[in-house]
Amino acid sequence: MKILGMDSSGLVASAAVLVDDTVVSEFTVNNKKTHSQTLLPMIDQVIKMSGIEKGELDAVAVAAGPGSFTGLRIGSSTAKGIAYVLGKPVIAVPTLEGLAYRLAGTEGLVCPMMDARRNQVYTGLYQLDEGRLTVCIPQEAADIMEILSAVNETGKRVIFLGDGVSVQEETIRREVKVSYTFAPAHLNRQSAAAIAVLGAAYYSEGRIEDAMTHRPVYLRKSQAERERSEKRKEGIG
């Protein structure tokens, strides 16, 4: 099994190649450069360094959303293009599941958070047992207080990770009543390796898409769409 994984759903851009049960190459940056500048060169580099040819890939796994609208469009269009040219399927990995899978092997619940602004986060709640991911709360765009209330109701220890944690850290510390920790720096952001490994599991379950029909998952309207809707309600434009 040879899978190319990629994640451009948030601030991080990441590409990786998985061969069977080994991540043979990975390239991850978080330097605020636009993903349109970084993702394709990173993909070319990880494939070159992996020692395999593009045609040997079995599938392309991509963080399919939610996340940055621009980042998701770049990631999905890149995955679609590569998969279409190679005649391979796309594995659409929900972004929050891929982020949570960074902590596979840990005990307790995992709560990934991506900053969605307006005091909201893209989030979910997951249990990881022996490398298997169980969805306790599916990914959603939620008010920070809603997800923290759900975390408290579990009564279980939880680990938080993602770029939304630093934005909401004060609120988390004040509102969370169960035992909790924050993921360390080397595990608290998106990784294409996690997308590839989880993608391999989904591939074995038949969770694949045709390159032409794959679409990213946004969960909510873009800022431009929201502004247009608000103007229509106000009778402007």
Protein backbone atom coordinates (compact mmCIF):
# COMPACT_ATOMS: atom_id res chain seq x y z
CA MET A 1 0.00 0.00 0.00
CA LYS A 2 1.47 3.32 -1.11
CA ILE A 3 -0.41 6.49 -0.24
CA LEU A 4 0.36 10.16 -0.79
CA GLY A 5 -1.10 12.25 2.05
CA MET A 6 -1.56 16.01 2.14
CA ASP A 7 -3.03 18.58 4.49
CA SER A 8 -3.49 22.28 3.74
CA SER A 9 -6.66 22.74 5.77
CA GLY A 10 -5.15 25.17 8.27
CA LEU A 11 -2.02 27.17 8.92
CA VAL A 12 0.18 24.12 8.38
CA ALA A 13 1.05 22.73 4.95
CA SER A 14 2.11 19.09 4.98
CA ALA A 15 2.79 16.26 2.53
CA ALA A 16 3.87 12.68 3.21
CA VAL A 17 4.27 9.28 1.57
CA LEU A 18 3.21 6.10 3.37
CA VAL A 19 4.52 2.74 2.16
CA ASP A 20 2.75 -0.13 3.92
CA ASP A 21 3.20 0.65 7.64
CA THR A 22 6.07 3.12 7.28
CA VAL A 23 6.03 6.87 6.66
CA VAL A 24 9.01 7.05 4.31
CA SER A 25 9.01 10.81 3.72
CA GLU A 26 7.27 13.85 5.16
CA PHE A 27 7.53 17.60 4.65
CA THR A 28 5.68 19.96 7.01
CA VAL A 29 5.93 23.74 7.30
CA ASN A 30 4.13 26.33 9.38
CA ASN A 31 5.76 29.51 8.09
CA LYS A 32 2.72 31.56 7.03
CA LYS A 33 3.51 31.19 3.34
CA THR A 34 0.48 30.57 1.14
CA HIS A 35 -0.25 26.94 0.41
CA SER A 36 -0.38 27.70 -3.30
CA GLN A 37 3.36 28.44 -3.04
CA THR A 38 4.36 25.50 -0.87
CA LEU A 39 2.14 22.45 -1.37
CA LEU A 40 3.08 21.27 -4.87
CA PRO A 41 6.86 21.67 -4.34
CA MET A 42 6.50 19.77 -1.05
CA ILE A 43 4.60 16.95 -2.77
CA ASP A 44 7.23 16.70 -5.50
CA GLN A 45 9.93 16.55 -2.84
CA VAL A 46 8.34 13.85 -0.65
CA ILE A 47 7.65 11.64 -3.67
CA LYS A 48 11.21 12.10 -4.92
CA MET A 49 12.68 11.36 -1.49
CA SER A 50 10.41 8.34 -0.97
CA GLY A 51 12.16 6.43 -3.74
CA ILE A 52 8.94 5.46 -5.49
CA GLU A 53 7.40 6.66 -8.74
CA LYS A 54 4.10 8.57 -8.80
CA GLY A 55 2.53 5.78 -10.80
CA GLU A 56 3.16 3.35 -7.92
CA LEU A 57 0.80 5.24 -5.63
CA ASP A 58 -2.42 3.42 -4.77
CA ALA A 59 -4.37 6.48 -3.61
CA VAL A 60 -4.18 10.12 -2.63
CA ALA A 61 -5.39 11.02 0.88
CA VAL A 62 -6.32 14.61 1.65
CA ALA A 63 -7.60 16.53 4.66
CA ALA A 64 -11.04 17.21 3.22
CA GLY A 65 -12.34 19.81 5.66
CA PRO A 66 -13.39 21.72 7.55
CA GLY A 67 -10.76 24.42 7.70
CA SER A 68 -9.53 27.42 5.77
CA PHE A 69 -11.67 27.82 2.65
CA THR A 70 -8.67 28.73 0.51
CA GLY A 71 -6.52 25.98 2.01
CA LEU A 72 -9.20 23.36 1.45
CA ARG A 73 -9.69 24.38 -2.16
CA ILE A 74 -5.94 24.18 -2.79
CA GLY A 75 -5.64 20.78 -1.10
CA SER A 76 -8.66 19.24 -2.76
CA SER A 77 -7.87 20.55 -6.24
CA THR A 78 -4.30 19.30 -5.89
CA ALA A 79 -5.45 15.87 -4.71
CA LYS A 80 -8.05 15.68 -7.51
CA GLY A 81 -5.51 16.65 -10.16
CA ILE A 82 -2.89 14.13 -9.08
CA ALA A 83 -5.41 11.33 -8.58
CA TYR A 84 -7.09 12.01 -11.93
CA VAL A 85 -3.82 11.99 -13.88
CA LEU A 86 -2.70 8.77 -12.17
CA GLY A 87 -6.12 7.11 -12.38
CA LYS A 88 -6.19 6.60 -8.61
CA PRO A 89 -8.91 7.21 -5.99
CA VAL A 90 -9.05 10.03 -3.47
CA ILE A 91 -9.39 9.26 0.24
CA ALA A 92 -11.22 12.18 1.86
CA VAL A 93 -10.12 12.24 5.51
CA PRO A 94 -12.18 14.57 7.71
CA THR A 95 -9.76 17.22 8.96
CA LEU A 96 -10.59 16.86 12.65
CA GLU A 97 -10.25 13.08 12.48
CA GLY A 98 -6.83 13.43 10.92
CA LEU A 99 -5.80 15.95 13.56
CA ALA A 100 -7.07 13.75 16.39
CA TYR A 101 -5.20 10.78 14.93
CA ARG A 102 -1.94 12.59 15.69
CA LEU A 103 -2.47 11.33 19.25
CA ALA A 104 -3.20 7.69 18.42
CA GLY A 105 -1.95 5.55 21.27
CA THR A 106 -2.87 7.98 24.03
CA GLU A 107 -5.46 7.28 26.70
CA GLY A 108 -8.63 9.26 27.23
CA LEU A 109 -10.51 11.49 24.86
CA VAL A 110 -9.00 13.74 22.21
CA CYS A 111 -10.52 17.12 21.39
CA PRO A 112 -8.96 18.81 18.34
CA MET A 113 -9.73 22.48 17.77
CA MET A 114 -9.17 24.73 14.79
CA ASP A 115 -9.85 28.43 15.15
CA ALA A 116 -13.00 29.35 13.20
CA ARG A 117 -13.14 32.95 14.52
CA ARG A 118 -16.14 34.68 16.09
CA ASN A 119 -15.48 32.63 19.25
CA GLN A 120 -16.13 29.43 17.31
CA VAL A 121 -13.94 26.41 16.66
CA TYR A 122 -14.00 23.53 14.23
CA THR A 123 -13.95 20.64 16.64
CA GLY A 124 -15.09 17.15 17.56
CA LEU A 125 -14.48 14.56 20.25
CA TYR A 126 -12.70 11.26 19.67
CA GLN A 127 -11.60 8.12 21.48
CA LEU A 128 -8.42 6.38 20.34
CA ASP A 129 -8.02 2.74 21.36
CA GLU A 130 -5.13 0.67 20.00
CA GLY A 131 -4.86 2.92 16.96
CA ARG A 132 -8.58 2.77 16.16
CA LEU A 133 -10.45 6.05 16.06
CA THR A 134 -13.99 6.22 17.44
CA VAL A 135 -16.07 9.34 16.79
CA CYS A 136 -17.82 10.49 19.97
CA ILE A 137 -18.90 13.88 18.60
CA PRO A 138 -18.63 14.33 14.80
CA GLN A 139 -16.70 17.33 13.54
CA GLU A 140 -18.66 20.57 13.64
CA ALA A 141 -18.38 24.33 13.80
CA ALA A 142 -19.32 25.09 17.39
CA ASP A 143 -19.24 27.82 19.98
CA ILE A 144 -16.33 27.19 22.32
CA MET A 145 -18.64 26.92 25.34
CA GLU A 146 -20.72 24.22 23.63
CA ILE A 147 -17.81 21.85 23.08
CA LEU A 148 -16.34 22.49 26.52
CA SER A 149 -19.71 21.71 28.10
CA ALA A 150 -19.78 18.44 26.15
CA VAL A 151 -16.25 17.64 27.33
CA ASN A 152 -17.27 18.22 30.96
CA GLU A 153 -20.28 15.96 30.57
CA THR A 154 -18.07 13.01 29.62
CA GLY A 155 -16.32 13.06 33.00
CA LYS A 156 -13.22 11.69 31.27
CA ARG A 157 -9.68 12.94 30.84
CA VAL A 158 -9.20 14.84 27.58
CA ILE A 159 -6.27 16.07 25.49
CA PHE A 160 -6.67 19.27 23.47
CA LEU A 161 -4.71 20.05 20.31
CA GLY A 162 -4.85 22.31 17.26
CA ASP A 163 -4.38 25.99 16.49
CA GLY A 164 -7.70 26.81 18.20
CA VAL A 165 -6.26 25.81 21.57
CA SER A 166 -3.89 28.76 21.81
CA VAL A 167 -6.72 31.13 20.87
CA GLN A 168 -9.09 29.62 23.46
CA GLU A 169 -6.60 28.57 26.14
CA GLU A 170 -7.85 31.01 28.77
CA THR A 171 -11.43 29.82 28.31
CA ILE A 172 -10.38 26.17 28.38
CA ARG A 173 -8.48 26.63 31.63
CA ARG A 174 -11.40 28.46 33.21
CA GLU A 175 -14.28 26.25 32.05
CA VAL A 176 -13.00 22.67 31.83
CA LYS A 177 -13.76 20.71 34.99
CA VAL A 178 -12.37 17.29 34.01
CA SER A 179 -8.72 16.31 33.96
CA TYR A 180 -7.07 17.65 30.80
CA THR A 181 -3.75 18.31 29.10
CA PHE A 182 -2.52 20.11 26.00
CA ALA A 183 -0.66 18.18 23.31
CA PRO A 184 3.06 18.98 23.06
CA ALA A 185 4.40 21.20 20.28
CA HIS A 186 5.53 18.34 18.03
CA LEU A 187 2.04 16.80 18.02
CA ASN A 188 -0.36 19.74 18.21
CA ARG A 189 -0.79 20.66 14.55
CA GLN A 190 -1.89 18.94 11.35
CA SER A 191 0.32 16.28 9.75
CA ALA A 192 0.06 14.66 6.35
CA ALA A 193 1.54 11.50 7.88
CA ALA A 194 -1.55 11.15 10.09
CA ILE A 195 -3.77 11.78 7.05
CA ALA A 196 -1.94 9.07 5.09
CA VAL A 197 -2.03 6.49 7.90
CA LEU A 198 -5.69 7.08 8.73
CA GLY A 199 -6.38 7.24 5.00
CA ALA A 200 -4.91 3.75 4.60
CA ALA A 201 -7.35 2.44 7.20
CA TYR A 202 -10.25 4.12 5.40
CA TYR A 203 -9.01 2.76 2.05
CA SER A 204 -9.18 -0.78 3.45
CA GLU A 205 -12.79 -0.06 4.48
CA GLY A 206 -13.65 1.06 0.95
CA ARG A 207 -14.02 4.72 1.91
CA ILE A 208 -12.70 6.15 -1.34
CA GLU A 209 -13.92 8.69 -3.88
CA ASP A 210 -13.51 9.22 -7.58
CA ALA A 211 -11.19 12.13 -8.35
CA MET A 212 -13.84 13.87 -10.44
CA THR A 213 -16.54 13.78 -7.76
CA HIS A 214 -14.44 14.64 -4.70
CA ARG A 215 -15.40 17.89 -2.99
CA PRO A 216 -14.09 19.49 0.23
CA VAL A 217 -16.31 19.78 3.31
CA TYR A 218 -16.73 23.38 4.51
CA LEU A 219 -19.35 22.94 7.29
CA ARG A 220 -20.31 26.61 7.07
CA LYS A 221 -20.46 29.44 4.56
CA SER A 222 -17.39 31.50 3.74
CA GLN A 223 -17.09 35.02 5.14
CA ALA A 224 -17.94 36.48 1.73
CA GLU A 225 -21.08 34.35 1.50
CA ARG A 226 -22.12 35.33 5.03
CA GLU A 227 -21.62 39.02 4.24
CA ARG A 228 -23.72 38.69 1.07
CA SER A 229 -26.49 36.98 3.05
CA GLU A 230 -26.43 39.70 5.68
CA LYS A 231 -26.64 42.40 3.01
CA ARG A 232 -29.63 40.67 1.39
CA LYS A 233 -31.39 40.54 4.77
CA GLU A 234 -30.77 44.26 5.18
CA GLY A 235 -32.01 44.91 1.66
CA ILE A 236 -28.58 46.00 0.38
CA GLY A 237 -27.41 44.95 -3.09
